C-alpha atoms as a PDB file:
ATOM      1  CA  MET A   1       0.000   0.000   0.000  1.00  0.00           C
ATOM      2  CA  ALA A   2       1.377   3.383  -1.024  1.00  0.00           C
ATOM      3  CA  ALA A   3       2.022   6.020   1.604  1.00  0.00           C
ATOM      4  CA  ASN A   4      -0.140   9.164   1.632  1.00  0.00           C
ATOM      5  CA  LEU A   5       2.521  11.342   0.030  1.00  0.00           C
ATOM      6  CA  GLU A   6       3.181   8.756  -2.696  1.00  0.00           C
ATOM      7  CA  GLN A   7      -0.545   8.705  -3.486  1.00  0.00           C
ATOM      8  CA  ALA A   8      -0.656  12.498  -3.452  1.00  0.00           C
ATOM      9  CA  LEU A   9       2.277  12.786  -5.891  1.00  0.00           C
ATOM     10  CA  SER A  10       0.673  10.262  -8.211  1.00  0.00           C
ATOM     11  CA  THR A  11      -2.557  12.238  -8.099  1.00  0.00           C
ATOM     12  CA  VAL A  12      -0.703  15.480  -8.874  1.00  0.00           C
ATOM     13  CA  LEU A  13       0.666  13.887 -12.047  1.00  0.00           C
ATOM     14  CA  VAL A  14      -2.624  12.259 -13.106  1.00  0.00           C
ATOM     15  CA  VAL A  15      -4.559  15.515 -12.664  1.00  0.00           C
ATOM     16  CA  PHE A  16      -1.971  17.480 -14.668  1.00  0.00           C
ATOM     17  CA  GLN A  17      -2.122  14.936 -17.500  1.00  0.00           C
ATOM     18  CA  LYS A  18      -5.920  14.972 -17.514  1.00  0.00           C
ATOM     19  CA  TYR A  19      -6.155  18.735 -18.114  1.00  0.00           C
ATOM     20  CA  SER A  20      -3.014  19.350 -20.156  1.00  0.00           C
ATOM     21  CA  SER A  21      -4.238  16.989 -22.844  1.00  0.00           C
ATOM     22  CA  HIS A  22      -7.315  19.095 -23.726  1.00  0.00           C
ATOM     23  CA  SER A  23      -5.703  21.435 -26.237  1.00  0.00           C
ATOM     24  CA  GLY A  24      -2.311  22.249 -27.647  1.00  0.00           C
ATOM     25  CA  ASP A  25       0.778  20.833 -25.973  1.00  0.00           C
ATOM     26  CA  LYS A  26      -0.018  17.830 -23.766  1.00  0.00           C
ATOM     27  CA  HIS A  27       2.935  18.741 -21.543  1.00  0.00           C
ATOM     28  CA  LYS A  28       1.614  22.212 -20.669  1.00  0.00           C
ATOM     29  CA  LEU A  29      -1.513  23.878 -19.298  1.00  0.00           C
ATOM     30  CA  CYS A  30      -2.870  26.950 -21.045  1.00  0.00           C
ATOM     31  CA  GLN A  31      -4.879  29.443 -18.990  1.00  0.00           C
ATOM     32  CA  ALA A  32      -8.206  27.836 -19.964  1.00  0.00           C
ATOM     33  CA  GLU A  33      -6.951  24.390 -18.910  1.00  0.00           C
ATOM     34  CA  LEU A  34      -5.612  25.783 -15.640  1.00  0.00           C
ATOM     35  CA  LYS A  35      -8.934  27.504 -14.969  1.00  0.00           C
ATOM     36  CA  GLU A  36     -10.864  24.281 -15.669  1.00  0.00           C
ATOM     37  CA  LEU A  37      -8.492  22.287 -13.453  1.00  0.00           C
ATOM     38  CA  LEU A  38      -9.001  24.713 -10.582  1.00  0.00           C
ATOM     39  CA  GLN A  39     -12.774  24.829 -10.984  1.00  0.00           C
ATOM     40  CA  LYS A  40     -13.200  21.053 -11.228  1.00  0.00           C
ATOM     41  CA  GLU A  41     -10.408  19.735  -9.004  1.00  0.00           C
ATOM     42  CA  LEU A  42     -10.391  22.460  -6.343  1.00  0.00           C
ATOM     43  CA  PRO A  43     -14.028  23.626  -6.287  1.00  0.00           C
ATOM     44  CA  THR A  44     -14.045  24.538  -2.600  1.00  0.00           C
ATOM     45  CA  TRP A  45     -10.674  26.302  -2.903  1.00  0.00           C
ATOM     46  CA  THR A  46     -11.602  28.357  -5.953  1.00  0.00           C
ATOM     47  CA  PRO A  47     -14.125  30.968  -4.890  1.00  0.00           C
ATOM     48  CA  THR A  48     -17.153  31.460  -7.098  1.00  0.00           C
ATOM     49  CA  GLU A  49     -16.367  35.175  -7.117  1.00  0.00           C
ATOM     50  CA  PHE A  50     -12.973  34.515  -8.744  1.00  0.00           C
ATOM     51  CA  ARG A  51     -12.810  36.986 -11.601  1.00  0.00           C
ATOM     52  CA  GLU A  52     -11.017  36.491 -14.892  1.00  0.00           C
ATOM     53  CA  CYS A  53      -8.286  38.855 -13.695  1.00  0.00           C
ATOM     54  CA  ASP A  54      -7.744  36.571 -10.686  1.00  0.00           C
ATOM     55  CA  TYR A  55      -7.037  33.672 -13.060  1.00  0.00           C
ATOM     56  CA  GLU A  56      -4.752  35.923 -15.094  1.00  0.00           C
ATOM     57  CA  LYS A  57      -2.804  36.886 -11.959  1.00  0.00           C
ATOM     58  CA  LEU A  58      -2.516  33.279 -10.897  1.00  0.00           C
ATOM     59  CA  MET A  59      -1.387  32.229 -14.375  1.00  0.00           C
ATOM     60  CA  SER A  60       1.204  34.997 -14.395  1.00  0.00           C
ATOM     61  CA  ALA A  61       2.508  33.881 -10.991  1.00  0.00           C
ATOM     62  CA  LEU A  62       2.736  30.244 -12.092  1.00  0.00           C
ATOM     63  CA  ASP A  63       4.214  30.891 -15.547  1.00  0.00           C
ATOM     64  CA  SER A  64       7.824  31.491 -14.537  1.00  0.00           C
ATOM     65  CA  ASN A  65       9.236  31.426 -18.097  1.00  0.00           C
ATOM     66  CA  LYS A  66       6.424  33.691 -19.407  1.00  0.00           C
ATOM     67  CA  ASP A  67       5.421  31.476 -22.342  1.00  0.00           C
ATOM     68  CA  CYS A  68       1.706  31.847 -21.434  1.00  0.00           C
ATOM     69  CA  GLU A  69       1.551  28.188 -20.414  1.00  0.00           C
ATOM     70  CA  VAL A  70       2.322  26.209 -17.274  1.00  0.00           C
ATOM     71  CA  ASP A  71       4.548  23.177 -17.821  1.00  0.00           C
ATOM     72  CA  PHE A  72       4.762  20.340 -15.310  1.00  0.00           C
ATOM     73  CA  GLU A  73       7.822  21.752 -13.574  1.00  0.00           C
ATOM     74  CA  GLU A  74       6.124  25.136 -13.119  1.00  0.00           C
ATOM     75  CA  TYR A  75       2.975  23.345 -11.990  1.00  0.00           C
ATOM     76  CA  VAL A  76       4.811  21.299  -9.352  1.00  0.00           C
ATOM     77  CA  HIS A  77       6.805  24.283  -8.099  1.00  0.00           C
ATOM     78  CA  SER A  78       3.638  26.329  -7.974  1.00  0.00           C
ATOM     79  CA  LEU A  79       1.302  24.079  -5.994  1.00  0.00           C
ATOM     80  CA  ALA A  80       2.203  26.034  -2.875  1.00  0.00           C
ATOM     81  CA  ARG A  81       1.183  29.254  -4.654  1.00  0.00           C
ATOM     82  CA  ILE A  82      -2.184  27.726  -5.488  1.00  0.00           C
ATOM     83  CA  CYS A  83      -2.598  26.869  -1.811  1.00  0.00           C
ATOM     84  CA  LEU A  84      -1.621  30.406  -0.816  1.00  0.00           C
ATOM     85  CA  PHE A  85      -3.947  31.985  -3.377  1.00  0.00           C
ATOM     86  CA  CYS A  86      -6.962  29.705  -2.952  1.00  0.00           C
ATOM     87  CA  HIS A  87      -7.075  27.925   0.406  1.00  0.00           C
ATOM     88  CA  ASP A  88      -9.208  29.419   3.184  1.00  0.00           C
ATOM     89  CA  TYR A  89      -6.278  29.156   5.605  1.00  0.00           C
ATOM     90  CA  PHE A  90      -4.492  31.928   3.688  1.00  0.00           C
ATOM     91  CA  LYS A  91      -7.494  34.174   2.858  1.00  0.00           C
ATOM     92  CA  ASP A  92      -6.213  36.977   5.092  1.00  0.00           C
ATOM     93  CA  CYS A  93      -3.078  37.151   2.880  1.00  0.00           C
ATOM     94  CA  ALA A  94      -4.807  38.719  -0.160  1.00  0.00           C
ATOM     95  CA  PRO A  95      -2.691  39.357  -3.275  1.00  0.00           C
ATOM     96  CA  ASP A  96      -1.500  42.914  -3.817  1.00  0.00           C
ATOM     97  CA  PRO A  97      -2.953  44.924  -5.396  1.00  0.00           C
ATOM     98  CA  PRO A  98      -6.487  43.573  -5.747  1.00  0.00           C
ATOM     99  CA  CYS A  99      -7.819  43.717  -9.291  1.00  0.00           C
ATOM    100  CA  PRO A 100     -10.722  46.040 -10.137  1.00  0.00           C
ATOM    101  CA  GLN A 101     -14.273  44.748  -9.988  1.00  0.00           C
END
């Protein structure tokens, strides 16, 4: 039986593969794929009031090489950012500056 972290790492890979294969390069997530992943895989972490500019900010934070896509390495390195941006535990640490309504 796999340990919890082993299962979690396997799930991280499977989820990435599921969404990155929708369009374009199967080794990268475009913004639409990232948005769908967040909405479907993290529905309680992604607030319903998330605006398009919130997804753009998140994409910009995750896309370290600025190619407008998130590859697996960026995705793995950025899971903590997703937690910081989306999890209720960190809600009092809002991103600066907030985007306009």
